């Protein structure tokens, strides 16, 4: 099953919540990732967990090119649906 943009967005929100201790409802998917209090270790952890969950290998730091949860989720859902970037 290919995850939808909403599936990816929800997964990222829940993972950011777990990494930062912020309630999921308080996470703004349109705010830049840096506003969520992710340190460099958390960013690497998030990217690695996304790669594992989606079976997608990042070529660069995805948060540099897709600075919000909404933007990253839309990009990843599209990439996975098109079969790009297999792990």
C-alpha atoms as a PDB file:
ATOM      1  CA  UNK A   1       0.000   0.000   0.000  1.00  0.00           C
ATOM      2  CA  UNK A   2       1.315   3.416  -0.943  1.00  0.00           C
ATOM      3  CA  UNK A   3       0.821   5.988   1.812  1.00  0.00           C
ATOM      4  CA  UNK A   4      -1.151   9.129   1.010  1.00  0.00           C
ATOM      5  CA  UNK A   5       0.114  12.608   1.732  1.00  0.00           C
ATOM      6  CA  UNK A   6      -2.099  12.605   4.829  1.00  0.00           C
ATOM      7  CA  UNK A   7      -0.652   9.268   5.992  1.00  0.00           C
ATOM      8  CA  UNK A   8       2.890  10.614   5.670  1.00  0.00           C
ATOM      9  CA  UNK A   9       1.941  13.895   7.331  1.00  0.00           C
ATOM     10  CA  UNK A  10       0.329  12.088  10.272  1.00  0.00           C
ATOM     11  CA  UNK A  11       3.349   9.808  10.629  1.00  0.00           C
ATOM     12  CA  UNK A  12       5.750  12.766  10.673  1.00  0.00           C
ATOM     13  CA  UNK A  13       3.602  14.657  13.196  1.00  0.00           C
ATOM     14  CA  UNK A  14       3.553  11.647  15.506  1.00  0.00           C
ATOM     15  CA  UNK A  15       7.298  11.094  15.142  1.00  0.00           C
ATOM     16  CA  UNK A  16       8.102  14.785  15.766  1.00  0.00           C
ATOM     17  CA  UNK A  17       5.826  14.595  18.797  1.00  0.00           C
ATOM     18  CA  UNK A  18       7.743  11.616  20.108  1.00  0.00           C
ATOM     19  CA  UNK A  19      11.120  13.230  19.467  1.00  0.00           C
ATOM     20  CA  UNK A  20      10.260  16.569  21.050  1.00  0.00           C
ATOM     21  CA  UNK A  21       7.625  15.769  23.653  1.00  0.00           C
ATOM     22  CA  UNK A  22       5.191  18.161  21.971  1.00  0.00           C
ATOM     23  CA  UNK A  23       1.542  17.090  21.771  1.00  0.00           C
ATOM     24  CA  UNK A  24       0.622  16.167  18.175  1.00  0.00           C
ATOM     25  CA  UNK A  25      -2.238  18.687  18.168  1.00  0.00           C
ATOM     26  CA  UNK A  26       0.260  21.473  18.900  1.00  0.00           C
ATOM     27  CA  UNK A  27       2.412  20.701  15.856  1.00  0.00           C
ATOM     28  CA  UNK A  28       1.754  23.067  12.948  1.00  0.00           C
ATOM     29  CA  UNK A  29       2.356  21.166   9.704  1.00  0.00           C
ATOM     30  CA  UNK A  30       2.874  24.466   7.871  1.00  0.00           C
ATOM     31  CA  UNK A  31       5.549  25.792  10.237  1.00  0.00           C
ATOM     32  CA  UNK A  32       9.244  25.272   9.467  1.00  0.00           C
ATOM     33  CA  UNK A  33      10.742  22.156  11.068  1.00  0.00           C
ATOM     34  CA  UNK A  34      13.157  24.307  13.093  1.00  0.00           C
ATOM     35  CA  UNK A  35      10.178  25.729  15.015  1.00  0.00           C
ATOM     36  CA  UNK A  36       9.404  22.283  16.375  1.00  0.00           C
ATOM     37  CA  UNK A  37      12.603  22.171  18.411  1.00  0.00           C
ATOM     38  CA  UNK A  38      14.341  19.363  16.543  1.00  0.00           C
ATOM     39  CA  UNK A  39      18.068  19.249  17.206  1.00  0.00           C
ATOM     40  CA  UNK A  40      20.529  17.767  14.704  1.00  0.00           C
ATOM     41  CA  UNK A  41      20.292  14.284  16.237  1.00  0.00           C
ATOM     42  CA  UNK A  42      16.479  14.385  16.055  1.00  0.00           C
ATOM     43  CA  UNK A  43      16.611  15.475  12.388  1.00  0.00           C
ATOM     44  CA  UNK A  44      18.892  12.549  11.506  1.00  0.00           C
ATOM     45  CA  UNK A  45      16.675  10.175  13.495  1.00  0.00           C
ATOM     46  CA  UNK A  46      13.540  11.469  11.763  1.00  0.00           C
ATOM     47  CA  UNK A  47      15.094  11.093   8.304  1.00  0.00           C
ATOM     48  CA  UNK A  48      16.353   7.568   9.061  1.00  0.00           C
ATOM     49  CA  UNK A  49      12.975   6.507  10.439  1.00  0.00           C
ATOM     50  CA  UNK A  50      11.222   7.911   7.362  1.00  0.00           C
ATOM     51  CA  UNK A  51      13.589   5.997   5.078  1.00  0.00           C
ATOM     52  CA  UNK A  52      12.849   2.785   6.929  1.00  0.00           C
ATOM     53  CA  UNK A  53       9.091   3.322   7.050  1.00  0.00           C
ATOM     54  CA  UNK A  54       8.736   4.336   3.400  1.00  0.00           C
ATOM     55  CA  UNK A  55      11.507   2.260   1.847  1.00  0.00           C
ATOM     56  CA  UNK A  56      12.841   5.490   0.379  1.00  0.00           C
ATOM     57  CA  UNK A  57      16.464   6.651   0.466  1.00  0.00           C
ATOM     58  CA  UNK A  58      17.135  10.368   0.733  1.00  0.00           C
ATOM     59  CA  UNK A  59      19.828  11.770  -1.520  1.00  0.00           C
ATOM     60  CA  UNK A  60      20.253  14.861   0.680  1.00  0.00           C
ATOM     61  CA  UNK A  61      18.736  16.247   3.858  1.00  0.00           C
ATOM     62  CA  UNK A  62      15.029  16.370   2.945  1.00  0.00           C
ATOM     63  CA  UNK A  63      14.337  19.111   5.481  1.00  0.00           C
ATOM     64  CA  UNK A  64      16.593  21.500   3.558  1.00  0.00           C
ATOM     65  CA  UNK A  65      14.469  21.261   0.415  1.00  0.00           C
ATOM     66  CA  UNK A  66      11.116  20.663   2.132  1.00  0.00           C
ATOM     67  CA  UNK A  67      11.123  22.818   5.262  1.00  0.00           C
ATOM     68  CA  UNK A  68       7.615  22.037   6.553  1.00  0.00           C
ATOM     69  CA  UNK A  69       5.845  18.813   7.440  1.00  0.00           C
ATOM     70  CA  UNK A  70       3.146  19.506   4.842  1.00  0.00           C
ATOM     71  CA  UNK A  71       5.704  20.114   2.077  1.00  0.00           C
ATOM     72  CA  UNK A  72       7.818  17.087   2.982  1.00  0.00           C
ATOM     73  CA  UNK A  73       4.763  14.812   3.242  1.00  0.00           C
ATOM     74  CA  UNK A  74       3.482  15.854  -0.193  1.00  0.00           C
ATOM     75  CA  UNK A  75       6.917  15.346  -1.754  1.00  0.00           C
ATOM     76  CA  UNK A  76       7.441  11.935  -0.171  1.00  0.00           C
ATOM     77  CA  UNK A  77       3.962  10.624  -0.962  1.00  0.00           C
ATOM     78  CA  UNK A  78       4.513  11.587  -4.608  1.00  0.00           C
ATOM     79  CA  UNK A  79       8.009  10.088  -4.768  1.00  0.00           C
ATOM     80  CA  UNK A  80       6.938   6.815  -3.174  1.00  0.00           C
ATOM     81  CA  UNK A  81       3.848   6.575  -5.406  1.00  0.00           C
ATOM     82  CA  UNK A  82       6.049   7.019  -8.498  1.00  0.00           C
ATOM     83  CA  UNK A  83       8.494   4.411  -7.231  1.00  0.00           C
ATOM     84  CA  UNK A  84      11.415   6.790  -6.967  1.00  0.00           C
ATOM     85  CA  UNK A  85      14.304   6.486  -4.544  1.00  0.00           C
ATOM     86  CA  UNK A  86      14.099   2.839  -3.463  1.00  0.00           C
ATOM     87  CA  UNK A  87      16.086   2.002  -0.348  1.00  0.00           C
END
